[in-house]
Amino acid sequence: MKPKGQLTVVGSIDITQFWPATKGRNSSDGDTIHLKVDPSTSFLFSKSPGAKPKPTTKFVGAYVIDHGTKRKAISAKNEIKIRLQGIDTPELHLPVISATKHPSKKNFKKEFRQPYGAGAANALHDHLTNLADPAGGTLLHATFVTRVDRPNNTIDSHGRFVGDVIVGTAAGMSINTWLVEQGWALPLFYDSMTDTEIQILVNAWKVGRKKSARPGKSLQKALQPFDPNRDVDNAQLPDGGKLNIPKIFRRQATFWIEVAGPLTPAEFVARINKGVKGKSDTAYPLDYFLANIDKLDPKKRIRMANKIGPQGQTLFKPEDLVFKEDPGTLFDAAGQKVTGW
């Protein structure tokens, strides 16, 4: 069922958060943004289209539990972390996330990087710099929007707000759409999105996938070898090369840390078929989702593993699947679940 409500958060982006203005693990990548907010006034909720937005403080003191760690919705710096909805840029600094590391890799602490991970972050940094007032310093006014009916729908399991960020006028193109249209980001759809939100990005991808020297042109059907030595600390430009869909790359990273040596295609296939704990990796085919968004049958979901070939080949395009959302559970400062506005 498509949500009727909308959460709007007004704030500002510090352009220096993005690589290469900030280097290493503290830098933001191409699809993650920290937005500075005023906890008491920045959050506005409209229960239906055309309804007057009303201030909400439901996120003040609220948090999710991410793999045993408490992640506050609003940080001590009065920032929210935003995962740009519907898109996926190549990884710039993917942390080691497996709970079952092989003994030979138990001390491995690098953050993995893909080709174009630095390029995408750099492109976003330059885009926002060009939009900023030269006399206004490094802060840029921005608006976060997401279509939701309940506070819990707003934040993912890692404590990130998920939606679109618009810079400039309310009628401006979202950063999400710009990244896809420019070919720096790939589509990554989830079933919490509306058909309109998905269709906008499908149309943008028709343009972006044709851009030369960008991720879309460099995607490979064959499984590319996992290189653990490519990390955020040695990122530099230009950083092109052949790459897997970022979602596949993240699974490779998880599997690589669990095996003794290199991750072979056979090992990758065996583990993707087994599945990843806590990740359903199931999805609706795009055409089915768009045609049946108000009456989706969960039995129509397919496993991503069924779209992987015997040698680890990716047998689907980034826009082909609408994945099952992995929502977080939002708790208030007293530890009670947040259920309404």
Protein backbone atom coordinates (compact mmCIF):
# COMPACT_ATOMS: atom_id res chain seq x y z
CA MET A 1 0.00 0.00 0.00
CA LYS A 2 1.44 3.36 -1.02
CA PRO A 3 2.01 5.72 1.94
CA LYS A 4 -0.14 8.86 2.09
CA GLY A 5 2.01 10.85 4.50
CA GLN A 6 5.24 12.73 4.02
CA LEU A 7 8.06 13.62 6.38
CA THR A 8 10.03 16.75 5.52
CA VAL A 9 13.25 17.70 7.28
CA VAL A 10 14.87 21.07 6.62
CA GLY A 11 18.52 21.59 7.38
CA SER A 12 21.92 22.17 5.84
CA ILE A 13 24.68 20.11 4.25
CA ASP A 14 28.31 20.80 5.02
CA ILE A 15 29.94 20.23 1.65
CA THR A 16 33.27 19.38 3.25
CA GLN A 17 31.90 16.03 4.48
CA PHE A 18 32.35 14.44 1.05
CA TRP A 19 35.47 12.80 -0.30
CA PRO A 20 37.95 14.25 -1.22
CA ALA A 21 37.38 17.34 0.96
CA THR A 22 37.38 14.86 3.84
CA LYS A 23 39.55 11.79 3.38
CA GLY A 24 39.45 8.33 4.92
CA ARG A 25 36.72 6.73 6.99
CA ASN A 26 35.15 10.01 8.13
CA SER A 27 34.23 11.02 4.58
CA SER A 28 30.73 10.67 3.15
CA ASP A 29 30.35 8.63 -0.01
CA GLY A 30 28.11 9.26 -3.00
CA ASP A 31 24.83 7.99 -1.54
CA THR A 32 25.11 8.95 2.14
CA ILE A 33 24.64 12.46 3.52
CA HIS A 34 24.80 14.02 6.98
CA LEU A 35 22.20 16.79 7.34
CA LYS A 36 22.52 19.38 10.11
CA VAL A 37 19.14 19.93 11.79
CA ASP A 38 17.38 21.73 14.62
CA PRO A 39 15.76 18.86 16.58
CA SER A 40 12.87 21.02 17.75
CA THR A 41 11.89 22.68 14.44
CA SER A 42 13.38 20.83 11.46
CA PHE A 43 10.95 17.87 11.33
CA LEU A 44 7.52 18.33 9.72
CA PHE A 45 4.93 15.63 8.98
CA SER A 46 1.92 15.80 6.65
CA LYS A 47 -0.58 12.97 7.08
CA SER A 48 -1.88 13.23 3.52
CA PRO A 49 -1.27 15.17 0.29
CA GLY A 50 -2.35 18.76 0.76
CA ALA A 51 -2.53 18.50 4.56
CA LYS A 52 -0.79 21.21 6.55
CA PRO A 53 2.62 20.02 7.77
CA LYS A 54 2.92 19.84 11.55
CA PRO A 55 6.12 19.88 13.59
CA THR A 56 7.12 16.60 15.21
CA THR A 57 9.74 15.81 17.84
CA LYS A 58 9.34 12.03 17.67
CA PHE A 59 12.96 11.61 16.63
CA VAL A 60 14.45 13.53 19.55
CA GLY A 61 16.23 10.93 21.69
CA ALA A 62 15.00 8.10 19.44
CA TYR A 63 17.28 5.28 18.33
CA VAL A 64 17.54 1.89 16.63
CA ILE A 65 19.66 -1.12 17.58
CA ASP A 66 22.10 -1.93 14.78
CA HIS A 67 23.86 -5.27 15.33
CA GLY A 68 23.84 -4.63 19.06
CA THR A 69 24.85 -0.96 18.82
CA LYS A 70 22.51 1.90 19.67
CA ARG A 71 22.24 4.33 16.74
CA LYS A 72 20.56 7.60 17.61
CA ALA A 73 18.26 9.11 14.99
CA ILE A 74 19.74 12.54 15.73
CA SER A 75 23.42 12.58 16.60
CA ALA A 76 25.10 14.56 19.36
CA LYS A 77 26.16 17.00 16.62
CA ASN A 78 22.48 17.56 15.72
CA GLU A 79 22.83 15.69 12.44
CA ILE A 80 20.82 12.96 10.80
CA LYS A 81 22.43 10.40 8.53
CA ILE A 82 20.59 9.98 5.24
CA ARG A 83 20.75 7.04 2.85
CA LEU A 84 19.65 8.38 -0.52
CA GLN A 85 16.61 6.31 -1.46
CA GLY A 86 16.48 4.20 -4.60
CA ILE A 87 20.12 4.56 -5.57
CA ASP A 88 23.42 2.80 -5.02
CA THR A 89 26.84 4.30 -5.74
CA PRO A 90 29.92 2.07 -5.86
CA GLU A 91 31.31 1.55 -2.37
CA LEU A 92 33.97 3.96 -1.11
CA HIS A 93 34.42 2.56 2.40
CA LEU A 94 32.47 -0.59 3.12
CA PRO A 95 33.28 -1.76 6.66
CA VAL A 96 33.93 -5.39 7.51
CA ILE A 97 30.49 -6.54 8.65
CA SER A 98 30.70 -10.31 9.03
CA ALA A 99 30.23 -11.73 12.52
CA THR A 100 31.92 -15.01 11.54
CA LYS A 101 35.41 -13.99 10.42
CA HIS A 102 37.86 -16.69 9.43
CA PRO A 103 40.73 -16.94 11.97
CA SER A 104 43.21 -15.85 9.29
CA LYS A 105 41.29 -12.61 8.79
CA LYS A 106 40.11 -11.82 12.31
CA ASN A 107 42.36 -8.74 12.53
CA PHE A 108 41.45 -7.39 9.10
CA LYS A 109 39.99 -3.91 9.57
CA LYS A 110 40.23 -2.17 6.22
CA GLU A 111 37.18 -0.57 4.59
CA PHE A 112 36.62 -2.00 1.13
CA ARG A 113 36.33 0.17 -1.98
CA GLN A 114 35.06 -0.38 -5.52
CA PRO A 115 36.09 1.26 -8.76
CA TYR A 116 34.26 4.59 -9.11
CA GLY A 117 33.56 4.77 -5.37
CA ALA A 118 35.81 7.81 -5.06
CA GLY A 119 34.67 9.20 -8.40
CA ALA A 120 31.00 9.20 -7.38
CA ALA A 121 31.71 10.95 -4.07
CA ASN A 122 33.92 13.48 -5.82
CA ALA A 123 31.23 14.17 -8.42
CA LEU A 124 28.65 14.84 -5.70
CA HIS A 125 31.10 17.10 -3.85
CA ASP A 126 31.69 19.14 -7.02
CA HIS A 127 27.97 19.29 -7.84
CA LEU A 128 27.08 20.68 -4.41
CA THR A 129 30.00 23.08 -4.50
CA ASN A 130 28.69 24.52 -7.75
CA LEU A 131 25.24 25.00 -6.20
CA ALA A 132 26.55 26.78 -3.12
CA ASP A 133 26.79 30.55 -2.75
CA PRO A 134 30.51 31.39 -2.92
CA ALA A 135 29.96 33.90 -0.11
CA GLY A 136 28.04 31.44 2.03
CA GLY A 137 30.87 29.21 3.19
CA THR A 138 30.57 25.43 3.08
CA LEU A 139 26.96 25.10 4.29
CA LEU A 140 24.21 24.52 1.76
CA HIS A 141 20.48 24.64 2.57
CA ALA A 142 18.78 21.31 1.82
CA THR A 143 15.46 19.53 2.34
CA PHE A 144 14.99 15.84 3.04
CA VAL A 145 11.65 14.29 2.00
CA THR A 146 10.26 10.78 2.30
CA ARG A 147 6.80 9.29 1.80
CA VAL A 148 5.87 7.47 5.01
CA ASP A 149 2.87 6.97 7.30
CA ARG A 150 4.70 6.11 10.54
CA PRO A 151 7.98 7.26 12.13
CA ASN A 152 9.31 3.70 12.09
CA ASN A 153 9.11 3.64 8.28
CA THR A 154 11.52 6.56 8.04
CA ILE A 155 14.68 4.92 9.38
CA ASP A 156 16.46 1.76 8.25
CA SER A 157 18.07 -0.88 10.45
CA HIS A 158 21.33 1.12 10.54
CA GLY A 159 19.69 4.26 11.90
CA ARG A 160 19.71 6.13 8.60
CA PHE A 161 16.83 8.22 7.31
CA VAL A 162 15.89 6.97 3.83
CA GLY A 163 14.52 9.37 1.23
CA ASP A 164 15.36 12.14 -1.23
CA VAL A 165 17.45 15.25 -0.66
CA ILE A 166 16.61 18.40 -2.59
CA VAL A 167 18.97 21.34 -2.84
CA GLY A 168 17.73 24.71 -4.03
CA THR A 169 14.04 25.31 -4.73
CA ALA A 170 11.32 22.82 -3.80
CA ALA A 171 10.88 22.10 -7.51
CA GLY A 172 14.56 21.26 -7.94
CA MET A 173 15.86 17.86 -8.99
CA SER A 174 16.73 15.67 -6.03
CA ILE A 175 20.34 14.67 -5.48
CA ASN A 176 19.15 11.06 -5.91
CA THR A 177 17.87 11.69 -9.43
CA TRP A 178 20.88 13.81 -10.39
CA LEU A 179 23.33 11.06 -9.42
CA VAL A 180 21.46 8.44 -11.45
CA GLU A 181 20.94 10.70 -14.47
CA GLN A 182 24.63 11.58 -14.48
CA GLY A 183 25.57 7.90 -14.35
CA TRP A 184 27.34 8.04 -10.97
CA ALA A 185 24.69 5.97 -9.16
CA LEU A 186 22.80 2.83 -10.10
CA PRO A 187 19.16 2.12 -9.26
CA LEU A 188 18.51 0.10 -6.10
CA PHE A 189 14.78 -0.17 -5.49
CA TYR A 190 12.96 -1.32 -2.34
CA ASP A 191 9.31 -2.17 -1.85
CA SER A 192 8.87 0.74 0.57
CA MET A 193 9.11 3.10 -2.42
CA THR A 194 6.16 4.39 -4.42
CA ASP A 195 5.70 3.64 -8.10
CA THR A 196 6.25 7.32 -8.90
CA GLU A 197 9.55 7.41 -7.02
CA ILE A 198 10.75 4.32 -8.86
CA GLN A 199 9.62 5.49 -12.29
CA ILE A 200 11.51 8.79 -11.91
CA LEU A 201 14.72 6.87 -11.30
CA VAL A 202 14.01 4.35 -14.08
CA ASN A 203 13.77 7.27 -16.51
CA ALA A 204 16.93 8.87 -15.10
CA TRP A 205 18.81 5.58 -15.49
CA LYS A 206 17.93 5.41 -19.18
CA VAL A 207 20.15 8.48 -19.52
CA GLY A 208 22.77 7.70 -16.89
CA ARG A 209 23.62 4.16 -17.97
CA LYS A 210 24.85 5.53 -21.31
CA LYS A 211 27.36 7.96 -19.77
CA SER A 212 30.93 7.02 -20.62
CA ALA A 213 33.58 6.62 -17.91
CA ARG A 214 30.85 6.09 -15.33
CA PRO A 215 29.72 3.03 -13.30
CA GLY A 216 26.81 2.10 -15.60
CA LYS A 217 29.10 1.64 -18.58
CA SER A 218 31.55 -0.38 -16.49
CA LEU A 219 29.15 -2.93 -14.98
CA GLN A 220 30.11 -6.51 -15.74
CA LYS A 221 27.92 -9.58 -16.03
CA ALA A 222 30.82 -11.85 -15.06
CA LEU A 223 31.74 -11.86 -11.37
CA GLN A 224 34.77 -9.62 -10.88
CA PRO A 225 37.45 -10.82 -8.44
CA PHE A 226 37.24 -9.34 -4.95
CA ASP A 227 40.29 -7.16 -4.16
CA PRO A 228 40.66 -6.61 -0.39
CA ASN A 229 43.62 -4.27 -0.94
CA ARG A 230 41.47 -1.62 -2.56
CA ASP A 231 40.32 0.53 0.36
CA VAL A 232 39.34 4.09 1.24
CA ASP A 233 42.85 4.98 2.41
CA ASN A 234 44.38 4.44 -1.04
CA ALA A 235 41.52 6.04 -3.00
CA GLN A 236 42.54 8.45 -5.71
CA LEU A 237 41.32 9.81 -9.05
CA PRO A 238 40.82 8.61 -11.68
CA ASP A 239 39.42 5.42 -10.17
CA GLY A 240 37.63 3.64 -13.00
CA GLY A 241 37.54 -0.05 -13.76
CA LYS A 242 35.29 -3.05 -14.18
CA LEU A 243 32.84 -3.58 -11.35
CA ASN A 244 30.01 -5.65 -9.98
CA ILE A 245 26.65 -4.25 -8.91
CA PRO A 246 27.38 -2.77 -5.44
CA LYS A 247 24.87 -5.10 -3.76
CA ILE A 248 26.81 -8.07 -5.16
CA PHE A 249 30.08 -6.46 -4.03
CA ARG A 250 28.76 -6.17 -0.47
CA ARG A 251 27.97 -9.87 -0.43
CA GLN A 252 31.47 -10.59 -1.74
CA ALA A 253 32.97 -8.58 1.12
CA THR A 254 30.95 -10.55 3.68
CA PHE A 255 31.93 -13.88 2.15
CA TRP A 256 35.61 -12.98 1.65
CA ILE A 257 36.12 -12.27 5.35
CA GLU A 258 34.67 -15.71 6.18
CA VAL A 259 36.98 -17.86 4.03
CA ALA A 260 40.66 -18.74 4.44
CA GLY A 261 41.98 -17.33 1.18
CA PRO A 262 40.65 -15.67 -1.96
CA LEU A 263 36.92 -15.87 -2.61
CA THR A 264 36.42 -18.15 -5.62
CA PRO A 265 33.35 -17.91 -7.87
CA ALA A 266 32.28 -21.38 -6.67
CA GLU A 267 32.51 -20.28 -3.01
CA PHE A 268 30.57 -17.10 -3.80
CA VAL A 269 27.79 -19.07 -5.49
CA ALA A 270 27.58 -21.57 -2.63
CA ARG A 271 27.29 -18.82 -0.04
CA ILE A 272 24.84 -16.65 -1.97
CA ASN A 273 22.63 -19.73 -2.35
CA LYS A 274 22.86 -20.39 1.39
CA GLY A 275 21.90 -16.81 2.14
CA VAL A 276 23.14 -14.13 4.52
CA LYS A 277 21.82 -14.04 8.07
CA GLY A 278 19.50 -11.07 8.54
CA LYS A 279 19.25 -10.36 4.80
CA SER A 280 16.30 -11.73 2.87
CA ASP A 281 17.74 -10.80 -0.54
CA THR A 282 14.31 -11.34 -2.10
CA ALA A 283 12.65 -9.03 -4.57
CA TYR A 284 9.69 -8.43 -6.82
CA PRO A 285 10.34 -8.19 -10.55
CA LEU A 286 10.05 -4.51 -11.47
CA ASP A 287 7.21 -4.90 -13.97
CA TYR A 288 5.13 -6.91 -11.49
CA PHE A 289 5.74 -4.38 -8.71
CA LEU A 290 4.72 -1.38 -10.79
CA ALA A 291 1.58 -3.11 -12.09
CA ASN A 292 0.46 -4.39 -8.67
CA ILE A 293 1.77 -1.91 -6.12
CA ASP A 294 -1.54 -1.78 -4.21
CA LYS A 295 -2.04 -5.55 -4.18
CA LEU A 296 1.39 -7.13 -3.99
CA ASP A 297 1.56 -10.87 -3.34
CA PRO A 298 4.62 -11.79 -1.22
CA LYS A 299 4.64 -15.17 -2.95
CA LYS A 300 5.70 -13.36 -6.12
CA ARG A 301 9.04 -12.42 -4.59
CA ILE A 302 12.09 -14.19 -6.02
CA ARG A 303 15.49 -14.86 -4.44
CA MET A 304 18.39 -12.82 -5.73
CA ALA A 305 20.38 -16.06 -5.66
CA ASN A 306 18.18 -17.36 -8.47
CA LYS A 307 19.46 -14.51 -10.61
CA ILE A 308 23.11 -15.54 -10.12
CA GLY A 309 24.71 -17.87 -12.66
CA PRO A 310 26.80 -20.98 -11.92
CA GLN A 311 30.05 -18.99 -12.20
CA GLY A 312 28.73 -16.08 -10.15
CA GLN A 313 27.42 -14.13 -13.13
CA THR A 314 24.87 -11.41 -12.43
CA LEU A 315 21.81 -12.31 -14.50
CA PHE A 316 19.81 -9.17 -13.75
CA LYS A 317 20.15 -5.45 -14.41
CA PRO A 318 20.18 -2.97 -11.52
CA GLU A 319 16.68 -1.75 -12.40
CA ASP A 320 15.13 -5.23 -12.77
CA LEU A 321 14.34 -5.96 -9.11
CA VAL A 322 12.50 -4.27 -6.21
CA PHE A 323 14.00 -5.67 -3.02
CA LYS A 324 12.29 -6.35 0.27
CA GLU A 325 12.90 -3.50 2.68
CA ASP A 326 14.85 -4.22 5.87
CA PRO A 327 13.27 -1.67 8.24
CA GLY A 328 14.59 -0.69 11.61
CA THR A 329 12.67 -0.62 14.88
CA LEU A 330 12.58 2.88 16.35
CA PHE A 331 12.64 3.32 20.12
CA ASP A 332 12.08 6.51 22.07
CA ALA A 333 14.40 7.81 24.79
CA ALA A 334 12.58 5.65 27.36
CA GLY A 335 13.12 2.49 25.33
CA GLN A 336 9.52 2.19 24.09
CA LYS A 337 8.71 1.49 20.44
CA VAL A 338 7.69 4.58 18.49
CA THR A 339 4.41 3.72 16.78
CA GLY A 340 2.80 7.04 15.87
CA TRP A 341 3.29 10.75 15.46
